[in-house]
Each structure stands twice: as structure tokens, then as C-alpha cells.
């Protein structure tokens, strides 16, 4: 029996109070900070196909005892962390062009 995939979903609110649901792609610690790579989540697969595939990079911060995800304001930090995440994500979803087998060992 195939194991059913359940994404890690987070509903985030932007500065204007708009809520959007994101799926966690990856999380990592780097130089003492915790970072997250997320992508917009759509319940309808057709909506997902029409999406740009944007990856949002956020970092951990604390509001009192509550951990929250915040934007990275420093452009150099954002670029460095974004590049690390993109390499990690590419490796997670890498395909071998010779036989259509991905790095997880499944043929797609």
C-alpha cells in the first residue's frame, strides 16, 4: 500500500493582513539562525500548475515565547540563504535524465 503524502502547511499573514497558505519545502539552520523555504499551496492541482513556482525564504524570530517566520531584510543574507536552499531543493528533486529515475529511487 502506498504511503499518502501529507504536506506541512502554514498559513501566513503579510503586512496588509492578507492570509495565504504555504507548503514547507525545506528548513535548515545556518550560522545560528533557522531558515525556511516555502511555496504557495493550492488545494486544486490545476491552480498549482498555473502558479509561478515561487519559493519564499523566511527566517525564524521570536515574539515573546512564540516562534514566528519573518522576512529577511538584508539583501546579501537573503541571496546567500536563497542560493543554499535552491541547491538543496534541486538535489531533493534531482532527476537522472538517462532513465527518468529521481534521487529517491522511484521512476516517474
Protein backbone atom coordinates (compact mmCIF):
# COMPACT_ATOMS: atom_id res chain seq x y z
CA UNK A 1 0.00 0.00 0.00
CA UNK A 2 1.39 3.40 -0.97
CA UNK A 3 2.06 5.87 1.80
CA UNK A 4 -0.05 9.01 1.43
CA UNK A 5 1.83 12.30 1.27
CA UNK A 6 0.70 14.96 3.75
CA UNK A 7 2.32 18.36 3.22
CA UNK A 8 3.44 20.61 6.10
CA UNK A 9 1.13 23.60 5.67
CA UNK A 10 1.43 27.05 7.26
CA UNK A 11 -0.99 29.94 6.96
CA UNK A 12 0.96 33.18 6.98
CA UNK A 13 -0.23 36.75 7.16
CA UNK A 14 1.52 39.55 5.26
CA UNK A 15 1.92 43.17 6.34
CA UNK A 16 -1.52 44.08 4.89
CA UNK A 17 -3.26 41.29 6.85
CA UNK A 18 -3.76 39.00 3.83
CA UNK A 19 -3.52 35.31 4.67
CA UNK A 20 -2.04 32.70 2.33
CA UNK A 21 -1.28 29.02 2.84
CA UNK A 22 2.23 27.78 2.11
CA UNK A 23 3.80 24.34 1.96
CA UNK A 24 7.14 23.84 3.72
CA UNK A 25 9.75 22.64 1.21
CA UNK A 26 12.77 22.67 3.49
CA UNK A 27 14.13 24.07 6.74
CA UNK A 28 17.72 24.48 7.85
CA UNK A 29 19.98 26.12 10.38
CA UNK A 30 22.81 28.29 9.12
CA UNK A 31 25.23 30.30 11.24
CA UNK A 32 22.99 30.06 14.31
CA UNK A 33 19.78 31.12 12.52
CA UNK A 34 16.86 28.95 11.40
CA UNK A 35 15.51 29.43 7.87
CA UNK A 36 12.50 28.11 5.96
CA UNK A 37 11.78 27.61 2.24
CA UNK A 38 8.08 27.63 1.41
CA UNK A 39 5.94 27.67 -1.72
CA UNK A 40 2.31 28.72 -2.13
CA UNK A 41 -0.09 25.80 -1.56
CA UNK A 42 -3.17 25.20 -3.67
CA UNK A 43 -5.81 22.55 -2.96
CA UNK A 44 -6.72 22.43 -6.65
CA UNK A 45 -3.84 20.88 -8.68
CA UNK A 46 -4.80 22.98 -11.72
CA UNK A 47 -4.18 26.17 -9.72
CA UNK A 48 -0.76 24.82 -8.78
CA UNK A 49 0.12 24.31 -12.46
CA UNK A 50 -0.74 27.93 -13.19
CA UNK A 51 1.41 29.23 -10.30
CA UNK A 52 4.88 30.68 -10.96
CA UNK A 53 6.53 28.15 -8.61
CA UNK A 54 7.80 30.96 -6.39
CA UNK A 55 9.86 29.93 -3.36
CA UNK A 56 9.57 32.17 -0.29
CA UNK A 57 12.54 32.29 2.09
CA UNK A 58 11.83 33.31 5.69
CA UNK A 59 13.77 33.16 8.94
CA UNK A 60 12.85 32.30 12.50
CA UNK A 61 12.30 35.01 15.06
CA UNK A 62 10.55 35.10 18.40
CA UNK A 63 7.62 37.20 19.60
CA UNK A 64 7.89 36.52 23.31
CA UNK A 65 7.89 32.71 23.57
CA UNK A 66 6.22 32.18 20.18
CA UNK A 67 8.38 31.32 17.17
CA UNK A 68 7.35 33.25 14.07
CA UNK A 69 8.56 33.39 10.45
CA UNK A 70 9.76 36.79 9.29
CA UNK A 71 11.13 38.30 6.09
CA UNK A 72 14.89 38.58 5.60
CA UNK A 73 15.61 42.31 5.26
CA UNK A 74 19.33 42.03 4.39
CA UNK A 75 19.70 41.50 0.61
CA UNK A 76 23.06 39.70 0.92
CA UNK A 77 21.72 37.33 3.59
CA UNK A 78 18.57 36.67 1.51
CA UNK A 79 20.60 35.89 -1.62
CA UNK A 80 23.05 33.62 0.23
CA UNK A 81 20.31 31.65 2.00
CA UNK A 82 18.17 31.52 -1.16
CA UNK A 83 21.06 30.03 -3.15
CA UNK A 84 21.70 27.39 -0.46
CA UNK A 85 18.01 26.43 -0.41
CA UNK A 86 17.77 26.27 -4.20
CA UNK A 87 20.75 23.89 -4.33
CA UNK A 88 19.24 21.73 -1.57
CA UNK A 89 15.83 21.67 -3.28
CA UNK A 90 17.36 20.81 -6.66
CA UNK A 91 19.20 17.89 -5.01
CA UNK A 92 15.99 16.67 -3.32
CA UNK A 93 14.11 16.63 -6.61
CA UNK A 94 17.02 15.79 -8.95
CA UNK A 95 16.19 13.58 -11.89
CA UNK A 96 18.60 11.38 -13.80
CA UNK A 97 17.92 12.15 -17.47
CA UNK A 98 19.04 8.70 -18.59
CA UNK A 99 16.22 6.65 -17.07
CA UNK A 100 13.73 9.11 -15.54
CA UNK A 101 14.59 7.86 -12.06
CA UNK A 102 14.72 10.55 -9.39
CA UNK A 103 17.14 10.64 -6.48
CA UNK A 104 14.52 8.97 -4.27
CA UNK A 105 14.78 5.82 -6.41
CA UNK A 106 11.30 5.98 -7.90
CA UNK A 107 10.64 6.06 -11.61
CA UNK A 108 8.29 8.89 -12.53
